[in-house]
């Protein structure tokens, strides 16, 4: 009987000891750490890395003119909420992808229209100069005809005077007067020819200026409506591709 009690007590002690060991081993021991006071400045041996920050959502667009974007095409996402159009979204033909701020762009449109108006005024002024140059050419040609006629008469008179003077049938004074008249009319004829050449050159330059002014006017007139249409950009394709502009 005593033997059985001893065995029972021994088993109980062994079981208690085993349970105590398991409970003690299940406890997590604290991790040792080192405490250090925070110091000002970067610690020695610090390593720095460079990085690029990109937007979570980005839509690449292009405009004919610069300006601040005030609206971007919105589409409904899978969650039912509206969001900016992204790569892979289906866009209906003719949809405006984005708009720039009208208040800033109105100034540029006004400048384009002002330049067009100035160009048209330049064309009118150049055409007036052409008409004036053409009138000058006509007047110079008329003066040249008169000078040619006067020179022709003076040349005939001078030739006759030379013949008469050589035969002593004319006085020296009359001969000198005929020669002087010949020289004067010849000089006037030469001047009239130069005047015609200058007037024709001026008329040619005026015509060239008209062509340049008309070309500038056409370019300015095209710029104004193109700028106005550039505020809204309708797409001509059915899919938005990131990084490129849909074909117009």
C-alpha atoms as a PDB file:
ATOM      1  CA  UNK A   1       0.000   0.000   0.000  1.00  0.00           C
ATOM      2  CA  UNK A   2       2.827   2.358   0.861  1.00  0.00           C
ATOM      3  CA  UNK A   3       4.475   1.393  -2.382  1.00  0.00           C
ATOM      4  CA  UNK A   4       1.473   2.479  -4.399  1.00  0.00           C
ATOM      5  CA  UNK A   5       1.316   5.815  -2.590  1.00  0.00           C
ATOM      6  CA  UNK A   6       4.947   6.491  -3.271  1.00  0.00           C
ATOM      7  CA  UNK A   7       4.493   5.739  -6.941  1.00  0.00           C
ATOM      8  CA  UNK A   8       1.455   8.035  -7.161  1.00  0.00           C
ATOM      9  CA  UNK A   9       3.236  10.883  -5.405  1.00  0.00           C
ATOM     10  CA  UNK A  10       6.233  10.455  -7.652  1.00  0.00           C
ATOM     11  CA  UNK A  11       4.132  10.627 -10.800  1.00  0.00           C
ATOM     12  CA  UNK A  12       2.342  13.718  -9.528  1.00  0.00           C
ATOM     13  CA  UNK A  13       5.613  15.460  -8.799  1.00  0.00           C
ATOM     14  CA  UNK A  14       6.991  14.541 -12.236  1.00  0.00           C
ATOM     15  CA  UNK A  15       3.855  15.794 -13.994  1.00  0.00           C
ATOM     16  CA  UNK A  16       3.954  19.068 -12.057  1.00  0.00           C
ATOM     17  CA  UNK A  17       7.591  19.573 -12.861  1.00  0.00           C
ATOM     18  CA  UNK A  18       7.008  18.894 -16.565  1.00  0.00           C
ATOM     19  CA  UNK A  19       4.088  21.321 -16.703  1.00  0.00           C
ATOM     20  CA  UNK A  20       6.161  23.966 -14.993  1.00  0.00           C
ATOM     21  CA  UNK A  21       8.960  23.539 -17.506  1.00  0.00           C
ATOM     22  CA  UNK A  22       6.586  23.835 -20.481  1.00  0.00           C
ATOM     23  CA  UNK A  23       4.941  26.976 -19.080  1.00  0.00           C
ATOM     24  CA  UNK A  24       8.315  28.500 -18.406  1.00  0.00           C
ATOM     25  CA  UNK A  25       9.637  27.704 -21.906  1.00  0.00           C
ATOM     26  CA  UNK A  26       6.467  29.138 -23.553  1.00  0.00           C
ATOM     27  CA  UNK A  27       7.198  32.572 -22.139  1.00  0.00           C
ATOM     28  CA  UNK A  28       8.897  34.909 -24.734  1.00  0.00           C
ATOM     29  CA  UNK A  29      12.071  36.391 -23.501  1.00  0.00           C
ATOM     30  CA  UNK A  30      12.449  40.193 -24.073  1.00  0.00           C
ATOM     31  CA  UNK A  31      14.764  41.238 -26.900  1.00  0.00           C
ATOM     32  CA  UNK A  32      17.704  43.223 -25.632  1.00  0.00           C
ATOM     33  CA  UNK A  33      18.048  46.727 -27.225  1.00  0.00           C
ATOM     34  CA  UNK A  34      20.575  49.497 -27.026  1.00  0.00           C
ATOM     35  CA  UNK A  35      19.388  52.941 -25.970  1.00  0.00           C
ATOM     36  CA  UNK A  36      21.087  55.964 -27.464  1.00  0.00           C
ATOM     37  CA  UNK A  37      20.369  59.673 -27.241  1.00  0.00           C
ATOM     38  CA  UNK A  38      19.283  61.363 -30.513  1.00  0.00           C
ATOM     39  CA  UNK A  39      22.031  63.567 -31.876  1.00  0.00           C
ATOM     40  CA  UNK A  40      21.678  66.600 -34.127  1.00  0.00           C
ATOM     41  CA  UNK A  41      22.841  66.221 -37.718  1.00  0.00           C
ATOM     42  CA  UNK A  42      23.217  63.168 -39.910  1.00  0.00           C
ATOM     43  CA  UNK A  43      25.209  60.291 -38.492  1.00  0.00           C
ATOM     44  CA  UNK A  44      28.530  59.466 -40.028  1.00  0.00           C
ATOM     45  CA  UNK A  45      28.405  57.091 -42.951  1.00  0.00           C
ATOM     46  CA  UNK A  46      24.881  58.078 -43.968  1.00  0.00           C
ATOM     47  CA  UNK A  47      23.894  56.881 -47.464  1.00  0.00           C
ATOM     48  CA  UNK A  48      21.517  58.967 -49.596  1.00  0.00           C
ATOM     49  CA  UNK A  49      19.573  57.828 -52.637  1.00  0.00           C
ATOM     50  CA  UNK A  50      17.964  59.851 -55.447  1.00  0.00           C
ATOM     51  CA  UNK A  51      14.453  59.106 -56.604  1.00  0.00           C
ATOM     52  CA  UNK A  52      11.849  60.334 -59.110  1.00  0.00           C
ATOM     53  CA  UNK A  53       8.321  61.053 -57.965  1.00  0.00           C
ATOM     54  CA  UNK A  54       5.586  60.338 -60.498  1.00  0.00           C
ATOM     55  CA  UNK A  55       1.907  61.130 -60.340  1.00  0.00           C
ATOM     56  CA  UNK A  56      -0.525  58.388 -59.440  1.00  0.00           C
ATOM     57  CA  UNK A  57      -2.605  59.320 -62.483  1.00  0.00           C
ATOM     58  CA  UNK A  58      -1.203  61.082 -65.537  1.00  0.00           C
ATOM     59  CA  UNK A  59      -2.776  61.992 -68.865  1.00  0.00           C
ATOM     60  CA  UNK A  60      -0.436  63.291 -71.596  1.00  0.00           C
ATOM     61  CA  UNK A  61      -2.022  65.868 -73.927  1.00  0.00           C
ATOM     62  CA  UNK A  62      -0.809  68.434 -76.425  1.00  0.00           C
ATOM     63  CA  UNK A  63      -2.254  71.830 -77.346  1.00  0.00           C
ATOM     64  CA  UNK A  64      -1.647  74.222 -80.194  1.00  0.00           C
ATOM     65  CA  UNK A  65      -0.968  76.960 -77.656  1.00  0.00           C
ATOM     66  CA  UNK A  66       0.209  77.119 -74.071  1.00  0.00           C
ATOM     67  CA  UNK A  67      -2.047  77.765 -71.125  1.00  0.00           C
ATOM     68  CA  UNK A  68      -3.472  76.378 -67.900  1.00  0.00           C
ATOM     69  CA  UNK A  69      -5.736  73.343 -68.287  1.00  0.00           C
ATOM     70  CA  UNK A  70      -9.067  73.984 -66.608  1.00  0.00           C
ATOM     71  CA  UNK A  71     -10.926  70.787 -67.579  1.00  0.00           C
ATOM     72  CA  UNK A  72     -10.011  67.229 -68.635  1.00  0.00           C
ATOM     73  CA  UNK A  73     -12.353  64.703 -70.186  1.00  0.00           C
ATOM     74  CA  UNK A  74     -14.067  62.672 -67.453  1.00  0.00           C
ATOM     75  CA  UNK A  75     -15.151  59.029 -67.805  1.00  0.00           C
ATOM     76  CA  UNK A  76     -16.966  56.716 -65.421  1.00  0.00           C
ATOM     77  CA  UNK A  77     -14.713  54.106 -63.812  1.00  0.00           C
ATOM     78  CA  UNK A  78     -15.522  50.552 -62.767  1.00  0.00           C
ATOM     79  CA  UNK A  79     -16.446  51.806 -59.300  1.00  0.00           C
ATOM     80  CA  UNK A  80     -19.096  54.090 -60.788  1.00  0.00           C
ATOM     81  CA  UNK A  81     -17.221  57.305 -59.973  1.00  0.00           C
ATOM     82  CA  UNK A  82     -16.119  59.842 -62.565  1.00  0.00           C
ATOM     83  CA  UNK A  83     -12.370  60.157 -63.163  1.00  0.00           C
ATOM     84  CA  UNK A  84      -9.944  61.614 -65.723  1.00  0.00           C
ATOM     85  CA  UNK A  85      -9.545  59.672 -68.961  1.00  0.00           C
ATOM     86  CA  UNK A  86      -6.635  57.242 -68.886  1.00  0.00           C
ATOM     87  CA  UNK A  87      -4.856  54.856 -71.198  1.00  0.00           C
ATOM     88  CA  UNK A  88      -7.201  52.244 -72.614  1.00  0.00           C
ATOM     89  CA  UNK A  89     -10.405  54.222 -72.064  1.00  0.00           C
ATOM     90  CA  UNK A  90     -12.803  54.306 -75.000  1.00  0.00           C
ATOM     91  CA  UNK A  91     -13.574  57.868 -76.079  1.00  0.00           C
ATOM     92  CA  UNK A  92     -16.380  58.779 -78.460  1.00  0.00           C
ATOM     93  CA  UNK A  93     -15.451  60.557 -81.670  1.00  0.00           C
ATOM     94  CA  UNK A  94     -15.631  64.327 -81.328  1.00  0.00           C
ATOM     95  CA  UNK A  95     -15.178  64.343 -77.541  1.00  0.00           C
ATOM     96  CA  UNK A  96     -13.171  67.294 -76.227  1.00  0.00           C
ATOM     97  CA  UNK A  97     -10.217  65.860 -74.342  1.00  0.00           C
ATOM     98  CA  UNK A  98      -9.293  69.026 -72.476  1.00  0.00           C
ATOM     99  CA  UNK A  99      -9.738  72.778 -72.400  1.00  0.00           C
ATOM    100  CA  UNK A 100      -7.332  75.516 -71.479  1.00  0.00           C
ATOM    101  CA  UNK A 101      -8.366  78.453 -69.360  1.00  0.00           C
ATOM    102  CA  UNK A 102     -10.381  80.829 -71.523  1.00  0.00           C
ATOM    103  CA  UNK A 103      -9.392  84.021 -69.703  1.00  0.00           C
ATOM    104  CA  UNK A 104      -5.714  83.527 -70.546  1.00  0.00           C
ATOM    105  CA  UNK A 105      -6.339  82.424 -74.090  1.00  0.00           C
ATOM    106  CA  UNK A 106      -8.703  85.260 -74.978  1.00  0.00           C
ATOM    107  CA  UNK A 107      -5.729  87.642 -74.861  1.00  0.00           C
ATOM    108  CA  UNK A 108      -3.861  85.570 -77.434  1.00  0.00           C
ATOM    109  CA  UNK A 109      -6.906  85.428 -79.678  1.00  0.00           C
ATOM    110  CA  UNK A 110      -7.244  89.205 -79.445  1.00  0.00           C
ATOM    111  CA  UNK A 111      -3.580  89.607 -80.337  1.00  0.00           C
ATOM    112  CA  UNK A 112      -3.981  87.312 -83.345  1.00  0.00           C
ATOM    113  CA  UNK A 113      -7.005  89.259 -84.554  1.00  0.00           C
ATOM    114  CA  UNK A 114      -5.151  92.546 -84.049  1.00  0.00           C
ATOM    115  CA  UNK A 115      -2.210  91.252 -86.074  1.00  0.00           C
ATOM    116  CA  UNK A 116      -4.591  90.168 -88.820  1.00  0.00           C
ATOM    117  CA  UNK A 117      -6.162  93.624 -88.881  1.00  0.00           C
ATOM    118  CA  UNK A 118      -2.748  95.281 -89.031  1.00  0.00           C
ATOM    119  CA  UNK A 119      -1.729  92.943 -91.849  1.00  0.00           C
ATOM    120  CA  UNK A 120      -4.831  93.868 -93.830  1.00  0.00           C
ATOM    121  CA  UNK A 121      -4.065  97.544 -93.275  1.00  0.00           C
ATOM    122  CA  UNK A 122      -0.526  96.887 -94.491  1.00  0.00           C
ATOM    123  CA  UNK A 123      -1.906  95.339 -97.673  1.00  0.00           C
ATOM    124  CA  UNK A 124      -4.102  98.378 -98.323  1.00  0.00           C
ATOM    125  CA  UNK A 125      -1.150 100.698 -97.730  1.00  0.00           C
ATOM    126  CA  UNK A 126       1.093  98.676-100.037  1.00  0.00           C
ATOM    127  CA  UNK A 127      -1.527  98.694-102.777  1.00  0.00           C
ATOM    128  CA  UNK A 128      -1.831 102.459-102.466  1.00  0.00           C
ATOM    129  CA  UNK A 129       1.943 102.703-102.859  1.00  0.00           C
ATOM    130  CA  UNK A 130       1.738 100.535-105.983  1.00  0.00           C
ATOM    131  CA  UNK A 131      -0.870 102.841-107.513  1.00  0.00           C
ATOM    132  CA  UNK A 132       1.249 105.859-106.644  1.00  0.00           C
ATOM    133  CA  UNK A 133       4.334 104.220-108.164  1.00  0.00           C
ATOM    134  CA  UNK A 134       2.455 103.321-111.327  1.00  0.00           C
ATOM    135  CA  UNK A 135       1.232 106.904-111.667  1.00  0.00           C
ATOM    136  CA  UNK A 136       4.817 108.079-111.217  1.00  0.00           C
ATOM    137  CA  UNK A 137       5.936 105.710-113.972  1.00  0.00           C
ATOM    138  CA  UNK A 138       3.305 107.050-116.352  1.00  0.00           C
ATOM    139  CA  UNK A 139       4.247 110.637-115.555  1.00  0.00           C
ATOM    140  CA  UNK A 140       7.943 109.874-116.009  1.00  0.00           C
ATOM    141  CA  UNK A 141       7.284 108.231-119.368  1.00  0.00           C
ATOM    142  CA  UNK A 142       5.306 111.293-120.496  1.00  0.00           C
ATOM    143  CA  UNK A 143       8.191 113.545-119.469  1.00  0.00           C
ATOM    144  CA  UNK A 144      10.599 111.245-121.315  1.00  0.00           C
ATOM    145  CA  UNK A 145       8.557 111.544-124.500  1.00  0.00           C
ATOM    146  CA  UNK A 146       8.657 115.347-124.271  1.00  0.00           C
ATOM    147  CA  UNK A 147      12.380 115.303-123.561  1.00  0.00           C
ATOM    148  CA  UNK A 148      12.981 112.995-126.521  1.00  0.00           C
ATOM    149  CA  UNK A 149      11.026 115.303-128.801  1.00  0.00           C
ATOM    150  CA  UNK A 150      12.907 118.381-127.574  1.00  0.00           C
ATOM    151  CA  UNK A 151      16.231 116.623-127.911  1.00  0.00           C
ATOM    152  CA  UNK A 152      15.403 115.456-131.428  1.00  0.00           C
ATOM    153  CA  UNK A 153      14.605 119.027-132.530  1.00  0.00           C
ATOM    154  CA  UNK A 154      17.694 120.417-130.818  1.00  0.00           C
ATOM    155  CA  UNK A 155      19.878 117.755-132.441  1.00  0.00           C
ATOM    156  CA  UNK A 156      18.543 118.646-135.892  1.00  0.00           C
ATOM    157  CA  UNK A 157      19.087 122.341-135.222  1.00  0.00           C
ATOM    158  CA  UNK A 158      22.600 121.662-134.015  1.00  0.00           C
ATOM    159  CA  UNK A 159      23.442 119.537-137.064  1.00  0.00           C
ATOM    160  CA  UNK A 160      22.168 122.318-139.349  1.00  0.00           C
ATOM    161  CA  UNK A 161      24.080 124.917-137.348  1.00  0.00           C
ATOM    162  CA  UNK A 162      27.297 122.918-137.706  1.00  0.00           C
ATOM    163  CA  UNK A 163      26.885 122.759-141.471  1.00  0.00           C
ATOM    164  CA  UNK A 164      26.124 126.459-141.739  1.00  0.00           C
ATOM    165  CA  UNK A 165      28.933 127.445-139.421  1.00  0.00           C
ATOM    166  CA  UNK A 166      31.416 125.331-141.379  1.00  0.00           C
ATOM    167  CA  UNK A 167      30.555 127.281-144.537  1.00  0.00           C
ATOM    168  CA  UNK A 168      30.626 130.558-142.602  1.00  0.00           C
ATOM    169  CA  UNK A 169      26.900 131.009-143.250  1.00  0.00           C
ATOM    170  CA  UNK A 170      26.071 131.357-139.517  1.00  0.00           C
ATOM    171  CA  UNK A 171      27.523 133.539-136.849  1.00  0.00           C
ATOM    172  CA  UNK A 172      29.438 132.158-133.932  1.00  0.00           C
ATOM    173  CA  UNK A 173      26.768 133.308-131.483  1.00  0.00           C
ATOM    174  CA  UNK A 174      23.979 131.449-133.284  1.00  0.00           C
ATOM    175  CA  UNK A 175      26.115 128.339-133.479  1.00  0.00           C
ATOM    176  CA  UNK A 176      26.914 128.471-129.770  1.00  0.00           C
ATOM    177  CA  UNK A 177      23.220 128.937-128.957  1.00  0.00           C
ATOM    178  CA  UNK A 178      22.270 125.886-131.053  1.00  0.00           C
ATOM    179  CA  UNK A 179      24.990 123.791-129.397  1.00  0.00           C
ATOM    180  CA  UNK A 180      23.924 124.903-125.914  1.00  0.00           C
ATOM    181  CA  UNK A 181      20.282 124.031-126.672  1.00  0.00           C
ATOM    182  CA  UNK A 182      21.420 120.620-127.924  1.00  0.00           C
ATOM    183  CA  UNK A 183      23.443 119.942-124.769  1.00  0.00           C
ATOM    184  CA  UNK A 184      20.607 121.024-122.472  1.00  0.00           C
ATOM    185  CA  UNK A 185      17.967 118.923-124.180  1.00  0.00           C
ATOM    186  CA  UNK A 186      20.320 115.931-124.228  1.00  0.00           C
ATOM    187  CA  UNK A 187      20.864 116.239-120.485  1.00  0.00           C
ATOM    188  CA  UNK A 188      17.110 116.531-119.934  1.00  0.00           C
ATOM    189  CA  UNK A 189      16.540 113.431-122.046  1.00  0.00           C
ATOM    190  CA  UNK A 190      19.144 111.452-120.051  1.00  0.00           C
ATOM    191  CA  UNK A 191      17.554 112.595-116.776  1.00  0.00           C
ATOM    192  CA  UNK A 192      14.087 111.622-118.006  1.00  0.00           C
ATOM    193  CA  UNK A 193      15.325 108.137-118.856  1.00  0.00           C
ATOM    194  CA  UNK A 194      16.825 107.761-115.367  1.00  0.00           C
ATOM    195  CA  UNK A 195      13.595 108.996-113.816  1.00  0.00           C
ATOM    196  CA  UNK A 196      11.589 106.363-115.692  1.00  0.00           C
ATOM    197  CA  UNK A 197      13.985 103.619-114.575  1.00  0.00           C
ATOM    198  CA  UNK A 198      13.743 104.756-110.952  1.00  0.00           C
ATOM    199  CA  UNK A 199       9.938 104.941-111.105  1.00  0.00           C
ATOM    200  CA  UNK A 200       9.719 101.441-112.584  1.00  0.00           C
ATOM    201  CA  UNK A 201      12.053 100.061-109.901  1.00  0.00           C
ATOM    202  CA  UNK A 202       9.938 101.712-107.198  1.00  0.00           C
ATOM    203  CA  UNK A 203       6.785 100.218-108.704  1.00  0.00           C
ATOM    204  CA  UNK A 204       8.400  96.765-108.770  1.00  0.00           C
ATOM    205  CA  UNK A 205       9.382  97.091-105.108  1.00  0.00           C
ATOM    206  CA  UNK A 206       5.860  98.193-104.242  1.00  0.00           C
ATOM    207  CA  UNK A 207       4.416  95.136-105.971  1.00  0.00           C
ATOM    208  CA  UNK A 208       6.822  92.896-104.045  1.00  0.00           C
ATOM    209  CA  UNK A 209       5.733  94.581-100.822  1.00  0.00           C
ATOM    210  CA  UNK A 210       2.100  93.943-101.723  1.00  0.00           C
ATOM    211  CA  UNK A 211       2.818  90.243-102.214  1.00  0.00           C
ATOM    212  CA  UNK A 212       4.629  90.065 -98.847  1.00  0.00           C
ATOM    213  CA  UNK A 213       1.843  91.975 -97.084  1.00  0.00           C
ATOM    214  CA  UNK A 214      -0.823  89.745 -98.604  1.00  0.00           C
ATOM    215  CA  UNK A 215       1.071  86.617 -97.530  1.00  0.00           C
ATOM    216  CA  UNK A 216       1.409  87.990 -93.992  1.00  0.00           C
ATOM    217  CA  UNK A 217      -2.267  88.928 -93.941  1.00  0.00           C
ATOM    218  CA  UNK A 218      -3.313  85.450 -95.033  1.00  0.00           C
ATOM    219  CA  UNK A 219      -1.122  83.885 -92.348  1.00  0.00           C
ATOM    220  CA  UNK A 220      -2.491  86.219 -89.671  1.00  0.00           C
ATOM    221  CA  UNK A 221      -6.087  85.630 -90.727  1.00  0.00           C
ATOM    222  CA  UNK A 222      -5.531  81.866 -90.541  1.00  0.00           C
ATOM    223  CA  UNK A 223      -3.910  82.174 -87.103  1.00  0.00           C
ATOM    224  CA  UNK A 224      -6.886  83.805 -85.387  1.00  0.00           C
ATOM    225  CA  UNK A 225      -9.542  81.145 -86.114  1.00  0.00           C
ATOM    226  CA  UNK A 226      -6.985  78.397 -85.652  1.00  0.00           C
ATOM    227  CA  UNK A 227      -6.201  79.771 -82.232  1.00  0.00           C
ATOM    228  CA  UNK A 228      -9.878  79.984 -81.344  1.00  0.00           C
ATOM    229  CA  UNK A 229     -10.441  76.379 -82.374  1.00  0.00           C
ATOM    230  CA  UNK A 230      -7.341  75.371 -80.459  1.00  0.00           C
ATOM    231  CA  UNK A 231      -9.037  76.030 -77.123  1.00  0.00           C
ATOM    232  CA  UNK A 232     -10.979  72.767 -77.441  1.00  0.00           C
ATOM    233  CA  UNK A 233      -9.313  69.717 -78.940  1.00  0.00           C
ATOM    234  CA  UNK A 234     -11.789  67.211 -80.455  1.00  0.00           C
ATOM    235  CA  UNK A 235     -10.338  63.750 -81.001  1.00  0.00           C
ATOM    236  CA  UNK A 236     -10.622  61.885 -84.289  1.00  0.00           C
ATOM    237  CA  UNK A 237      -9.760  58.395 -82.982  1.00  0.00           C
ATOM    238  CA  UNK A 238     -11.663  56.083 -80.636  1.00  0.00           C
ATOM    239  CA  UNK A 239      -8.944  55.280 -78.102  1.00  0.00           C
ATOM    240  CA  UNK A 240      -6.730  57.446 -75.927  1.00  0.00           C
ATOM    241  CA  UNK A 241      -3.096  56.349 -75.966  1.00  0.00           C
ATOM    242  CA  UNK A 242      -0.886  57.609 -73.160  1.00  0.00           C
ATOM    243  CA  UNK A 243       2.061  59.664 -74.270  1.00  0.00           C
ATOM    244  CA  UNK A 244       0.699  60.540 -77.694  1.00  0.00           C
ATOM    245  CA  UNK A 245      -1.959  62.779 -79.157  1.00  0.00           C
ATOM    246  CA  UNK A 246      -4.806  61.131 -81.105  1.00  0.00           C
ATOM    247  CA  UNK A 247      -4.803  61.857 -84.808  1.00  0.00           C
ATOM    248  CA  UNK A 248      -6.762  64.943 -85.766  1.00  0.00           C
END
